[in-house]
Protein backbone atom coordinates (compact mmCIF):
# COMPACT_ATOMS: atom_id res chain seq x y z
CA MET A 1 36.94 17.00 71.76
CA LYS A 2 33.81 15.92 73.57
CA LEU A 3 31.82 19.10 73.99
CA GLN A 4 31.84 21.83 71.46
CA GLY A 5 32.19 25.08 73.40
CA SER A 6 28.64 26.23 72.82
CA ASN A 7 28.41 28.69 75.69
CA ARG A 8 30.77 31.31 77.06
CA SER A 9 31.54 29.33 80.22
CA SER A 10 32.45 26.22 78.25
CA LYS A 11 34.69 28.23 75.93
CA LYS A 12 36.44 29.85 78.90
CA THR A 13 37.03 26.45 80.48
CA ILE A 14 38.44 25.00 77.26
CA GLU A 15 40.77 27.99 76.89
CA LEU A 16 41.83 27.63 80.55
CA ILE A 17 42.63 23.95 80.00
CA LYS A 18 44.68 24.73 76.87
CA LYS A 19 46.50 27.59 78.60
CA THR A 20 47.31 25.43 81.61
CA PHE A 21 48.46 22.63 79.34
CA ALA A 22 50.81 25.05 77.56
CA GLU A 23 52.26 26.14 80.90
CA LEU A 24 52.84 22.54 81.92
CA ILE A 25 54.41 21.60 78.59
CA GLU A 26 56.81 24.52 79.01
CA GLU A 27 57.86 23.21 82.42
CA LYS A 28 57.88 19.49 81.70
CA LYS A 29 58.96 19.56 78.02
CA GLU A 30 57.14 16.26 77.34
CA ILE A 31 53.44 15.53 77.00
CA HIS A 32 53.70 12.11 78.62
CA SER A 33 54.96 13.79 81.81
CA ILE A 34 51.72 15.74 82.26
CA THR A 35 48.82 14.19 84.15
CA VAL A 36 45.16 15.14 84.18
CA THR A 37 45.37 15.47 87.97
CA GLU A 38 48.24 17.92 87.70
CA LEU A 39 46.46 19.97 85.03
CA THR A 40 43.17 20.11 86.91
CA LYS A 41 44.86 21.18 90.15
CA ARG A 42 46.80 23.92 88.35
CA ALA A 43 43.70 25.12 86.48
CA ASP A 44 41.56 24.83 89.63
CA ILE A 45 38.92 22.70 87.92
CA THR A 46 37.56 19.24 88.68
CA ARG A 47 38.53 16.09 86.81
CA GLY A 48 34.90 15.83 85.73
CA THR A 49 35.12 19.28 84.16
CA PHE A 50 38.28 18.28 82.30
CA TYR A 51 36.73 15.03 81.07
CA SER A 52 33.54 16.77 79.96
CA HIS A 53 35.70 18.61 77.41
CA PHE A 54 38.62 16.27 76.65
CA ASP A 55 39.31 12.52 76.77
CA SER A 56 43.01 12.88 77.60
CA ILE A 57 46.04 15.14 77.79
CA TYR A 58 46.89 14.02 74.26
CA GLU A 59 43.55 15.31 73.03
CA VAL A 60 44.37 18.75 74.49
CA ALA A 61 47.67 18.70 72.55
CA SER A 62 45.87 17.60 69.40
CA GLU A 63 43.27 20.35 69.82
CA LEU A 64 46.02 22.97 70.12
CA GLU A 65 47.75 21.61 67.02
CA SER A 66 44.48 21.61 65.08
CA GLU A 67 43.71 25.15 66.19
CA ILE A 68 47.11 26.35 64.99
CA SER A 69 46.79 24.51 61.67
CA GLU A 70 43.28 25.88 61.15
CA GLN A 71 44.44 29.44 61.74
CA ILE A 72 47.37 29.03 59.37
CA PHE A 73 45.38 27.38 56.59
CA HIS A 74 42.21 29.40 57.11
CA SER A 75 43.79 32.38 55.40
CA MET A 76 45.12 30.27 52.53
CA THR A 77 43.55 30.85 49.20
CA THR A 78 44.89 30.17 45.78
CA ILE A 79 48.26 31.82 45.43
CA GLN A 80 48.49 33.33 41.97
CA SER A 81 50.74 36.29 42.56
CA MET A 82 53.45 37.54 44.85
CA GLU A 83 50.83 39.79 46.46
CA ASP A 84 48.74 36.69 47.33
CA MET A 85 51.84 35.02 48.79
CA LYS A 86 52.78 38.12 50.77
CA LYS A 87 49.25 38.37 52.20
CA TYR A 88 49.34 34.69 53.18
CA ILE A 89 52.75 35.01 54.88
CA CYS A 90 51.69 38.19 56.69
CA ASN A 91 48.52 36.47 57.97
CA ILE A 92 50.58 33.56 59.32
CA PHE A 93 53.01 35.88 61.08
CA LYS A 94 50.17 38.00 62.44
CA TYR A 95 48.67 34.89 64.03
CA ILE A 96 52.07 33.83 65.40
CA LYS A 97 52.64 37.29 66.90
CA GLU A 98 49.18 37.33 68.48
CA ASN A 99 49.85 33.93 70.07
CA GLU A 100 53.58 34.28 70.67
CA ASN A 101 53.48 33.13 74.29
CA MET A 102 51.63 29.92 73.40
CA TYR A 103 54.01 29.16 70.51
CA PHE A 104 57.00 29.76 72.74
CA LYS A 105 55.74 27.12 75.14
CA LEU A 106 54.70 24.58 72.52
CA LEU A 107 57.77 24.85 70.31
CA ASN A 108 60.14 24.49 73.24
CA ALA A 109 58.62 21.14 74.16
CA GLU A 110 60.61 18.05 73.24
CA ASN A 111 57.81 16.60 71.14
CA SER A 112 57.38 19.69 68.97
CA MET A 113 58.94 17.87 66.01
CA HIS A 114 55.77 15.82 65.52
CA PHE A 115 53.69 18.96 65.18
CA THR A 116 56.17 20.80 62.94
CA ASN A 117 56.50 17.76 60.67
CA ARG A 118 52.71 17.61 60.23
CA LEU A 119 52.60 21.34 59.61
CA SER A 120 55.43 21.08 57.07
CA LYS A 121 53.59 18.35 55.15
CA LYS A 122 50.43 20.47 54.95
CA ILE A 123 52.30 23.56 53.77
CA VAL A 124 54.26 21.54 51.19
CA SER A 125 50.99 20.08 49.90
CA VAL A 126 49.44 23.53 49.49
CA LEU A 127 52.54 24.95 47.79
CA LYS A 128 52.76 21.97 45.40
CA GLN A 129 49.14 22.61 44.37
CA ASN A 130 49.81 26.30 43.80
CA PHE A 131 53.27 26.04 42.21
CA THR A 132 53.11 23.03 39.93
CA SER A 133 55.98 24.29 37.77
CA SER A 134 58.25 25.05 40.72
CA PRO A 135 60.89 22.44 41.55
CA THR A 136 59.88 20.27 44.50
CA LEU A 137 63.21 21.00 46.16
CA ASN A 138 62.35 24.72 46.19
CA ILE A 139 59.07 23.97 47.95
CA TYR A 140 60.69 21.76 50.60
CA PHE A 141 63.62 24.12 51.12
CA PHE A 142 61.34 27.15 51.49
CA THR A 143 58.87 25.40 53.82
CA ASP A 144 61.39 23.70 56.07
CA GLY A 145 63.65 26.76 56.14
CA THR A 146 60.77 29.00 57.17
CA LEU A 147 59.62 26.64 59.90
CA GLU A 148 63.18 26.22 61.15
CA LEU A 149 63.62 30.00 61.43
CA ILE A 150 60.41 30.25 63.45
CA ILE A 151 61.43 27.35 65.71
CA ARG A 152 64.89 28.85 66.26
CA TYR A 153 63.28 32.18 67.11
CA PHE A 154 61.10 30.56 69.78
CA LYS A 155 64.02 28.55 71.13
CA LYS A 156 65.97 31.82 71.32
CA GLU A 157 68.71 30.47 69.07
CA ILE A 158 68.64 33.51 66.78
CA ALA A 159 68.59 37.20 67.62
CA GLU A 160 66.21 38.38 64.87
CA ASP A 161 62.66 39.33 65.77
CA LEU A 162 59.49 38.04 64.08
CA ASP A 163 59.17 41.15 61.89
CA THR A 164 62.67 40.58 60.49
CA ILE A 165 61.97 36.88 59.92
CA GLU A 166 58.66 37.73 58.21
CA ALA A 167 60.39 40.19 55.85
CA TYR A 168 63.05 37.59 55.06
CA VAL A 169 60.47 34.87 54.36
CA ILE A 170 58.62 37.22 51.97
CA LYS A 171 61.91 37.97 50.21
CA MET A 172 62.68 34.24 49.90
CA ALA A 173 59.16 33.49 48.63
CA LYS A 174 59.69 35.98 45.85
CA TYR A 175 63.03 34.38 45.01
CA PHE A 176 61.74 30.79 45.06
CA PHE A 177 58.36 31.24 43.40
CA PHE A 178 58.16 34.56 41.54
CA LYS A 179 61.53 35.11 39.85
């Protein structure tokens, strides 16, 4: 990102660009179908304003992905107990619930697999560091299963709500890592 949002106006503009991008990705389903012209018209900003903050549409997508990853991994500390794991899972779900509309739009896009694959790799890496004695298959199964439940929720393929999924993920974490 070109400019770091140092003032309130800049931060508002960046958030407007990301929000508008999310709306367009929901409609178009593919990043390559979104143009800067279309985004700037929808957001009611100039192209110059867009380019003072971002180099391209792909940079907006990358910024959103980084923001999500940062929020998820920001709360991660060393997981030494089931209580640590529960706190970590609850923090992730709290963030997802607070940004549910944005996730709905992003995870319904056709290119969401790229993001979820990157996210899966990061989570697997963290779990491998914290659970060195746990079988690798447990780590992959837990991570990919959790992400798949969240994706299916946002694609409206399952009826359970986020609270139910969160409780289930906590239960599975206990089974996989704290028997």
